[in-house]
Amino acid sequence: MLPLKKGYDQIEGEYYTRSRLFRWWHINRFKKAYCTVSDIGDESVIVDLGCDGGNFTQRLLDFGEVVGVDISTSFIEAGKRRVKKAHFVMSDVQMLPLRSGSSNLVTCMEVLEHLPRPELAVSESWRILKPDGRFFISTPDEGKRVWRIIWFLWQNIGRGTVWQHKHIHTFDREKLIQLIRPFFTGIVVDYVNFFLLIMLIGRKRERTS
């Protein structure tokens, strides 16, 4: 956990709110994600994995109680400042300090590609979800050449250099479905931001295969 945490502690907590390009990119995907999970109900318990400074965490408060989880001290502190009504926990999402069967929805947006063992975040999400709970994730579609070019340029220019070497795994539609299928069923696939980001949502299986 410590090497992973050290890298993300170096990113400023307000990183995502200081760039017009970032604001457009993330607000657009947040709108799509919000619509996808909007039928969850207004008394739900939601866990937002990799919550950064609480940008999407804040929107999820419309549906109930929200816990934001991130490994970065700076992101957690920024979240606490910005989103007073949410709870924030500093933790590695591959090993969550949350009770089994305690949440209705887990969101995990553009997080799995940063993890040494993304399958652990998926299994932990399965564990903390209630029966019939839902798991919502998004990742870049590395099968798209346009995305690979954008990401190469971004992490080598200006403010984007803080993200160098932080994408450990690559996903496309098939790899992402294969990763979550042992834990979730009824998987629905969608795209956002010029089809460069994959979004999936699935329901918790009764038991893993």
C-alpha atoms as a PDB file:
ATOM      1  CA  MET A   1       0.000   0.000   0.000  1.00  0.00           C
ATOM      2  CA  LEU A   2       2.758   2.475   0.928  1.00  0.00           C
ATOM      3  CA  PRO A   3       4.435   2.757  -2.524  1.00  0.00           C
ATOM      4  CA  LEU A   4       1.023   3.213  -4.163  1.00  0.00           C
ATOM      5  CA  LYS A   5      -0.051   5.799  -1.605  1.00  0.00           C
ATOM      6  CA  LYS A   6       3.174   7.785  -1.908  1.00  0.00           C
ATOM      7  CA  GLY A   7       2.602   8.363  -5.620  1.00  0.00           C
ATOM      8  CA  TYR A   8      -0.924   9.690  -5.177  1.00  0.00           C
ATOM      9  CA  ASP A   9      -0.176  11.798  -2.112  1.00  0.00           C
ATOM     10  CA  GLN A  10       1.955  13.954  -4.408  1.00  0.00           C
ATOM     11  CA  ILE A  11      -1.083  15.039  -6.451  1.00  0.00           C
ATOM     12  CA  GLU A  12      -2.817  18.155  -5.151  1.00  0.00           C
ATOM     13  CA  GLY A  13      -6.263  17.603  -3.672  1.00  0.00           C
ATOM     14  CA  GLU A  14      -7.921  20.170  -5.965  1.00  0.00           C
ATOM     15  CA  TYR A  15      -6.238  18.828  -9.101  1.00  0.00           C
ATOM     16  CA  TYR A  16      -9.478  18.062 -10.958  1.00  0.00           C
ATOM     17  CA  THR A  17     -11.075  21.463 -10.352  1.00  0.00           C
ATOM     18  CA  ARG A  18      -8.247  23.664 -11.659  1.00  0.00           C
ATOM     19  CA  SER A  19      -8.448  22.892 -15.375  1.00  0.00           C
ATOM     20  CA  ARG A  20     -11.209  23.762 -17.865  1.00  0.00           C
ATOM     21  CA  LEU A  21     -10.398  20.687 -19.933  1.00  0.00           C
ATOM     22  CA  PHE A  22     -10.597  18.436 -16.896  1.00  0.00           C
ATOM     23  CA  ARG A  23     -13.838  20.039 -15.790  1.00  0.00           C
ATOM     24  CA  TRP A  24     -15.459  19.344 -19.169  1.00  0.00           C
ATOM     25  CA  TRP A  25     -14.112  15.789 -19.405  1.00  0.00           C
ATOM     26  CA  HIS A  26     -15.141  14.767 -15.904  1.00  0.00           C
ATOM     27  CA  ILE A  27     -18.436  16.665 -15.667  1.00  0.00           C
ATOM     28  CA  ASN A  28     -19.527  14.976 -18.897  1.00  0.00           C
ATOM     29  CA  ARG A  29     -18.781  11.482 -17.566  1.00  0.00           C
ATOM     30  CA  PHE A  30     -20.320  12.342 -14.195  1.00  0.00           C
ATOM     31  CA  LYS A  31     -23.585  13.293 -15.918  1.00  0.00           C
ATOM     32  CA  LYS A  32     -23.664   9.967 -17.743  1.00  0.00           C
ATOM     33  CA  ALA A  33     -22.816   8.036 -14.592  1.00  0.00           C
ATOM     34  CA  TYR A  34     -25.442   9.918 -12.576  1.00  0.00           C
ATOM     35  CA  CYS A  35     -28.164   8.973 -15.066  1.00  0.00           C
ATOM     36  CA  THR A  36     -27.027   5.339 -15.053  1.00  0.00           C
ATOM     37  CA  VAL A  37     -27.310   4.946 -11.263  1.00  0.00           C
ATOM     38  CA  SER A  38     -30.245   7.321 -10.711  1.00  0.00           C
ATOM     39  CA  ASP A  39     -32.767   4.521 -10.106  1.00  0.00           C
ATOM     40  CA  ILE A  40     -30.867   3.266  -7.056  1.00  0.00           C
ATOM     41  CA  GLY A  41     -33.289   4.994  -4.681  1.00  0.00           C
ATOM     42  CA  ASP A  42     -33.000   7.926  -2.287  1.00  0.00           C
ATOM     43  CA  GLU A  43     -32.212   5.995   0.914  1.00  0.00           C
ATOM     44  CA  SER A  44     -29.244   4.023  -0.331  1.00  0.00           C
ATOM     45  CA  VAL A  45     -25.790   3.513   1.121  1.00  0.00           C
ATOM     46  CA  ILE A  46     -23.201   4.218  -1.571  1.00  0.00           C
ATOM     47  CA  VAL A  47     -19.436   3.726  -1.596  1.00  0.00           C
ATOM     48  CA  ASP A  48     -17.445   5.828  -4.068  1.00  0.00           C
ATOM     49  CA  LEU A  49     -14.067   4.152  -4.644  1.00  0.00           C
ATOM     50  CA  GLY A  50     -11.196   6.351  -5.788  1.00  0.00           C
ATOM     51  CA  CYS A  51     -13.249   9.407  -4.890  1.00  0.00           C
ATOM     52  CA  ASP A  52     -10.444  11.978  -5.499  1.00  0.00           C
ATOM     53  CA  GLY A  53     -11.581  15.320  -4.037  1.00  0.00           C
ATOM     54  CA  GLY A  54     -15.235  14.299  -3.837  1.00  0.00           C
ATOM     55  CA  ASN A  55     -16.395  15.546  -7.242  1.00  0.00           C
ATOM     56  CA  PHE A  56     -18.745  12.624  -7.962  1.00  0.00           C
ATOM     57  CA  THR A  57     -19.207  11.824  -4.272  1.00  0.00           C
ATOM     58  CA  GLN A  58     -21.087  15.099  -3.924  1.00  0.00           C
ATOM     59  CA  ARG A  59     -23.550  14.179  -6.666  1.00  0.00           C
ATOM     60  CA  LEU A  60     -24.209  10.768  -5.129  1.00  0.00           C
ATOM     61  CA  LEU A  61     -25.615  12.428  -1.989  1.00  0.00           C
ATOM     62  CA  ASP A  62     -28.869  12.784  -3.944  1.00  0.00           C
ATOM     63  CA  PHE A  63     -29.384   9.054  -3.401  1.00  0.00           C
ATOM     64  CA  GLY A  64     -28.561   8.651   0.280  1.00  0.00           C
ATOM     65  CA  GLU A  65     -25.553   8.196   2.534  1.00  0.00           C
ATOM     66  CA  VAL A  66     -22.193   8.227   0.750  1.00  0.00           C
ATOM     67  CA  VAL A  67     -18.725   7.050   1.765  1.00  0.00           C
ATOM     68  CA  GLY A  68     -15.816   8.274  -0.354  1.00  0.00           C
ATOM     69  CA  VAL A  69     -12.687   6.111  -0.320  1.00  0.00           C
ATOM     70  CA  ASP A  70      -9.257   7.091  -1.628  1.00  0.00           C
ATOM     71  CA  ILE A  71      -5.645   6.193  -0.880  1.00  0.00           C
ATOM     72  CA  SER A  72      -4.492   9.807  -1.238  1.00  0.00           C
ATOM     73  CA  THR A  73      -4.285  11.990   1.863  1.00  0.00           C
ATOM     74  CA  SER A  74      -4.582  15.151  -0.234  1.00  0.00           C
ATOM     75  CA  PHE A  75      -7.706  13.897  -2.037  1.00  0.00           C
ATOM     76  CA  ILE A  76      -9.381  12.826   1.215  1.00  0.00           C
ATOM     77  CA  GLU A  77      -8.643  16.181   2.850  1.00  0.00           C
ATOM     78  CA  ALA A  78     -10.015  18.027  -0.201  1.00  0.00           C
ATOM     79  CA  GLY A  79     -13.135  15.848  -0.139  1.00  0.00           C
ATOM     80  CA  LYS A  80     -13.758  16.614   3.514  1.00  0.00           C
ATOM     81  CA  ARG A  81     -13.473  20.344   2.807  1.00  0.00           C
ATOM     82  CA  ARG A  82     -15.777  20.281  -0.219  1.00  0.00           C
ATOM     83  CA  VAL A  83     -18.427  17.708   0.702  1.00  0.00           C
ATOM     84  CA  LYS A  84     -19.430  18.139   4.321  1.00  0.00           C
ATOM     85  CA  LYS A  85     -22.316  15.669   4.282  1.00  0.00           C
ATOM     86  CA  ALA A  86     -20.336  12.693   2.980  1.00  0.00           C
ATOM     87  CA  HIS A  87     -18.049  10.393   4.946  1.00  0.00           C
ATOM     88  CA  PHE A  88     -14.468   9.935   3.781  1.00  0.00           C
ATOM     89  CA  VAL A  89     -12.124   7.032   4.464  1.00  0.00           C
ATOM     90  CA  MET A  90      -8.464   6.901   3.514  1.00  0.00           C
ATOM     91  CA  SER A  91      -7.796   3.352   2.365  1.00  0.00           C
ATOM     92  CA  ASP A  92      -6.440   1.134  -0.361  1.00  0.00           C
ATOM     93  CA  VAL A  93      -9.533   0.107  -2.349  1.00  0.00           C
ATOM     94  CA  GLN A  94      -8.027  -3.352  -2.774  1.00  0.00           C
ATOM     95  CA  MET A  95      -8.619  -3.967   0.960  1.00  0.00           C
ATOM     96  CA  LEU A  96     -11.622  -2.034   2.232  1.00  0.00           C
ATOM     97  CA  PRO A  97     -12.214  -1.396   5.963  1.00  0.00           C
ATOM     98  CA  LEU A  98     -16.004  -1.625   5.462  1.00  0.00           C
ATOM     99  CA  ARG A  99     -18.561  -4.166   6.626  1.00  0.00           C
ATOM    100  CA  SER A 100     -19.689  -6.962   4.329  1.00  0.00           C
ATOM    101  CA  GLY A 101     -23.154  -6.475   2.864  1.00  0.00           C
ATOM    102  CA  SER A 102     -23.364  -2.828   3.947  1.00  0.00           C
ATOM    103  CA  SER A 103     -23.937  -0.910   0.694  1.00  0.00           C
ATOM    104  CA  ASN A 104     -26.482  -0.714  -2.118  1.00  0.00           C
ATOM    105  CA  LEU A 105     -24.130   0.686  -4.741  1.00  0.00           C
ATOM    106  CA  VAL A 106     -20.375   0.832  -5.282  1.00  0.00           C
ATOM    107  CA  THR A 107     -18.974   3.232  -7.861  1.00  0.00           C
ATOM    108  CA  CYS A 108     -15.437   2.872  -9.187  1.00  0.00           C
ATOM    109  CA  MET A 109     -14.720   5.402 -11.907  1.00  0.00           C
ATOM    110  CA  GLU A 110     -11.351   5.284 -13.668  1.00  0.00           C
ATOM    111  CA  VAL A 111      -9.680   3.490 -10.771  1.00  0.00           C
ATOM    112  CA  LEU A 112      -9.068  -0.126 -11.802  1.00  0.00           C
ATOM    113  CA  GLU A 113      -6.373   0.771 -14.312  1.00  0.00           C
ATOM    114  CA  HIS A 114      -4.326   2.328 -11.476  1.00  0.00           C
ATOM    115  CA  LEU A 115      -4.288  -0.743  -9.222  1.00  0.00           C
ATOM    116  CA  PRO A 116      -1.655  -3.478  -8.939  1.00  0.00           C
ATOM    117  CA  ARG A 117      -4.456  -6.031  -8.455  1.00  0.00           C
ATOM    118  CA  PRO A 118      -7.748  -4.669  -9.819  1.00  0.00           C
ATOM    119  CA  GLU A 119      -9.462  -8.017  -9.203  1.00  0.00           C
ATOM    120  CA  LEU A 120      -9.150  -7.357  -5.459  1.00  0.00           C
ATOM    121  CA  ALA A 121     -11.093  -4.092  -5.757  1.00  0.00           C
ATOM    122  CA  VAL A 122     -13.801  -5.976  -7.673  1.00  0.00           C
ATOM    123  CA  SER A 123     -14.013  -8.778  -5.092  1.00  0.00           C
ATOM    124  CA  GLU A 124     -14.026  -6.278  -2.229  1.00  0.00           C
ATOM    125  CA  SER A 125     -16.852  -4.369  -3.917  1.00  0.00           C
ATOM    126  CA  TRP A 126     -18.767  -7.648  -4.208  1.00  0.00           C
ATOM    127  CA  ARG A 127     -18.160  -8.314  -0.500  1.00  0.00           C
ATOM    128  CA  ILE A 128     -19.444  -4.969   0.808  1.00  0.00           C
ATOM    129  CA  LEU A 129     -22.544  -4.946  -1.411  1.00  0.00           C
ATOM    130  CA  LYS A 130     -25.924  -6.096  -0.157  1.00  0.00           C
ATOM    131  CA  PRO A 131     -27.704  -8.902  -2.015  1.00  0.00           C
ATOM    132  CA  ASP A 132     -28.784  -7.485  -5.385  1.00  0.00           C
ATOM    133  CA  GLY A 133     -26.473  -4.499  -4.851  1.00  0.00           C
ATOM    134  CA  ARG A 134     -24.936  -2.891  -7.920  1.00  0.00           C
ATOM    135  CA  PHE A 135     -21.407  -2.159  -9.055  1.00  0.00           C
ATOM    136  CA  PHE A 136     -20.731   0.726 -11.452  1.00  0.00           C
ATOM    137  CA  ILE A 137     -17.315   1.133 -13.065  1.00  0.00           C
ATOM    138  CA  SER A 138     -15.615   3.032 -15.839  1.00  0.00           C
ATOM    139  CA  THR A 139     -12.165   2.794 -17.434  1.00  0.00           C
ATOM    140  CA  PRO A 140     -10.508   4.194 -20.533  1.00  0.00           C
ATOM    141  CA  ASP A 141     -10.910   1.946 -23.569  1.00  0.00           C
ATOM    142  CA  GLU A 142      -7.303   1.097 -24.359  1.00  0.00           C
ATOM    143  CA  GLY A 143      -8.485  -0.666 -27.499  1.00  0.00           C
ATOM    144  CA  LYS A 144      -9.046   2.765 -29.030  1.00  0.00           C
ATOM    145  CA  ARG A 145      -5.944   4.177 -30.724  1.00  0.00           C
ATOM    146  CA  VAL A 146      -7.221   7.724 -30.212  1.00  0.00           C
ATOM    147  CA  TRP A 147      -7.266   7.197 -26.457  1.00  0.00           C
ATOM    148  CA  ARG A 148      -3.729   5.802 -26.441  1.00  0.00           C
ATOM    149  CA  ILE A 149      -2.491   8.871 -28.315  1.00  0.00           C
ATOM    150  CA  ILE A 150      -4.339  11.269 -25.988  1.00  0.00           C
ATOM    151  CA  TRP A 151      -3.021   9.546 -22.885  1.00  0.00           C
ATOM    152  CA  PHE A 152       0.559   9.489 -24.174  1.00  0.00           C
ATOM    153  CA  LEU A 153       0.450  13.206 -24.891  1.00  0.00           C
ATOM    154  CA  TRP A 154      -1.319  14.101 -21.662  1.00  0.00           C
ATOM    155  CA  GLN A 155       1.072  12.343 -19.304  1.00  0.00           C
ATOM    156  CA  ASN A 156       4.079  13.891 -21.029  1.00  0.00           C
ATOM    157  CA  ILE A 157       2.933  17.525 -21.162  1.00  0.00           C
ATOM    158  CA  GLY A 158       2.377  20.113 -18.441  1.00  0.00           C
ATOM    159  CA  ARG A 159       0.138  19.251 -15.513  1.00  0.00           C
ATOM    160  CA  GLY A 160      -0.497  15.789 -16.893  1.00  0.00           C
ATOM    161  CA  THR A 161       3.016  14.613 -16.057  1.00  0.00           C
ATOM    162  CA  VAL A 162       1.884  13.757 -12.507  1.00  0.00           C
ATOM    163  CA  TRP A 163       0.099  10.758 -14.060  1.00  0.00           C
ATOM    164  CA  GLN A 164       3.188   9.218 -15.624  1.00  0.00           C
ATOM    165  CA  HIS A 165       3.377   5.471 -14.975  1.00  0.00           C
ATOM    166  CA  LYS A 166       0.131   5.489 -12.985  1.00  0.00           C
ATOM    167  CA  HIS A 167      -1.842   3.334 -15.428  1.00  0.00           C
ATOM    168  CA  ILE A 168      -0.676  -0.127 -14.457  1.00  0.00           C
ATOM    169  CA  HIS A 169      -3.309  -2.144 -16.357  1.00  0.00           C
ATOM    170  CA  THR A 170      -5.109  -1.621 -19.650  1.00  0.00           C
ATOM    171  CA  PHE A 171      -8.715  -2.541 -20.347  1.00  0.00           C
ATOM    172  CA  ASP A 172     -11.027  -2.832 -23.283  1.00  0.00           C
ATOM    173  CA  ARG A 173     -14.662  -3.935 -23.287  1.00  0.00           C
ATOM    174  CA  GLU A 174     -13.928  -7.677 -23.308  1.00  0.00           C
ATOM    175  CA  LYS A 175     -11.247  -7.568 -20.591  1.00  0.00           C
ATOM    176  CA  LEU A 176     -13.429  -5.466 -18.309  1.00  0.00           C
ATOM    177  CA  ILE A 177     -16.436  -7.762 -18.655  1.00  0.00           C
ATOM    178  CA  GLN A 178     -14.214 -10.787 -18.070  1.00  0.00           C
ATOM    179  CA  LEU A 179     -12.872  -9.200 -14.880  1.00  0.00           C
ATOM    180  CA  ILE A 180     -16.244  -8.570 -13.243  1.00  0.00           C
ATOM    181  CA  ARG A 181     -18.329 -11.460 -14.638  1.00  0.00           C
ATOM    182  CA  PRO A 182     -17.404 -13.927 -11.831  1.00  0.00           C
ATOM    183  CA  PHE A 183     -18.850 -11.464  -9.308  1.00  0.00           C
ATOM    184  CA  PHE A 184     -21.643  -9.626 -11.140  1.00  0.00           C
ATOM    185  CA  THR A 185     -24.473 -10.476 -13.497  1.00  0.00           C
ATOM    186  CA  GLY A 186     -26.849  -8.558 -15.780  1.00  0.00           C
ATOM    187  CA  ILE A 187     -23.908  -6.486 -16.998  1.00  0.00           C
ATOM    188  CA  VAL A 188     -24.824  -3.467 -19.135  1.00  0.00           C
ATOM    189  CA  VAL A 189     -22.142  -1.713 -21.194  1.00  0.00           C
ATOM    190  CA  ASP A 190     -22.162   1.918 -22.306  1.00  0.00           C
ATOM    191  CA  TYR A 191     -19.673   4.552 -23.487  1.00  0.00           C
ATOM    192  CA  VAL A 192     -19.082   8.249 -22.901  1.00  0.00           C
ATOM    193  CA  ASN A 193     -16.726  11.016 -24.078  1.00  0.00           C
ATOM    194  CA  PHE A 194     -16.518  10.108 -27.755  1.00  0.00           C
ATOM    195  CA  PHE A 195     -16.606   6.370 -26.939  1.00  0.00           C
ATOM    196  CA  LEU A 196     -13.220   6.642 -25.206  1.00  0.00           C
ATOM    197  CA  LEU A 197     -14.494   5.644 -21.756  1.00  0.00           C
ATOM    198  CA  ILE A 198     -16.252   2.339 -21.073  1.00  0.00           C
ATOM    199  CA  MET A 199     -18.988   2.268 -18.435  1.00  0.00           C
ATOM    200  CA  LEU A 200     -20.344  -0.955 -16.965  1.00  0.00           C
ATOM    201  CA  ILE A 201     -22.960  -1.676 -14.349  1.00  0.00           C
ATOM    202  CA  GLY A 202     -23.866  -5.085 -12.942  1.00  0.00           C
ATOM    203  CA  ARG A 203     -25.750  -6.715 -10.076  1.00  0.00           C
ATOM    204  CA  LYS A 204     -24.139  -8.770  -7.349  1.00  0.00           C
ATOM    205  CA  ARG A 205     -24.149 -12.526  -7.897  1.00  0.00           C
ATOM    206  CA  GLU A 206     -25.328 -14.670  -5.007  1.00  0.00           C
ATOM    207  CA  ARG A 207     -21.903 -16.319  -4.905  1.00  0.00           C
ATOM    208  CA  THR A 208     -18.688 -16.111  -6.877  1.00  0.00           C
ATOM    209  CA  SER A 209     -17.715 -18.815  -9.364  1.00  0.00           C
END
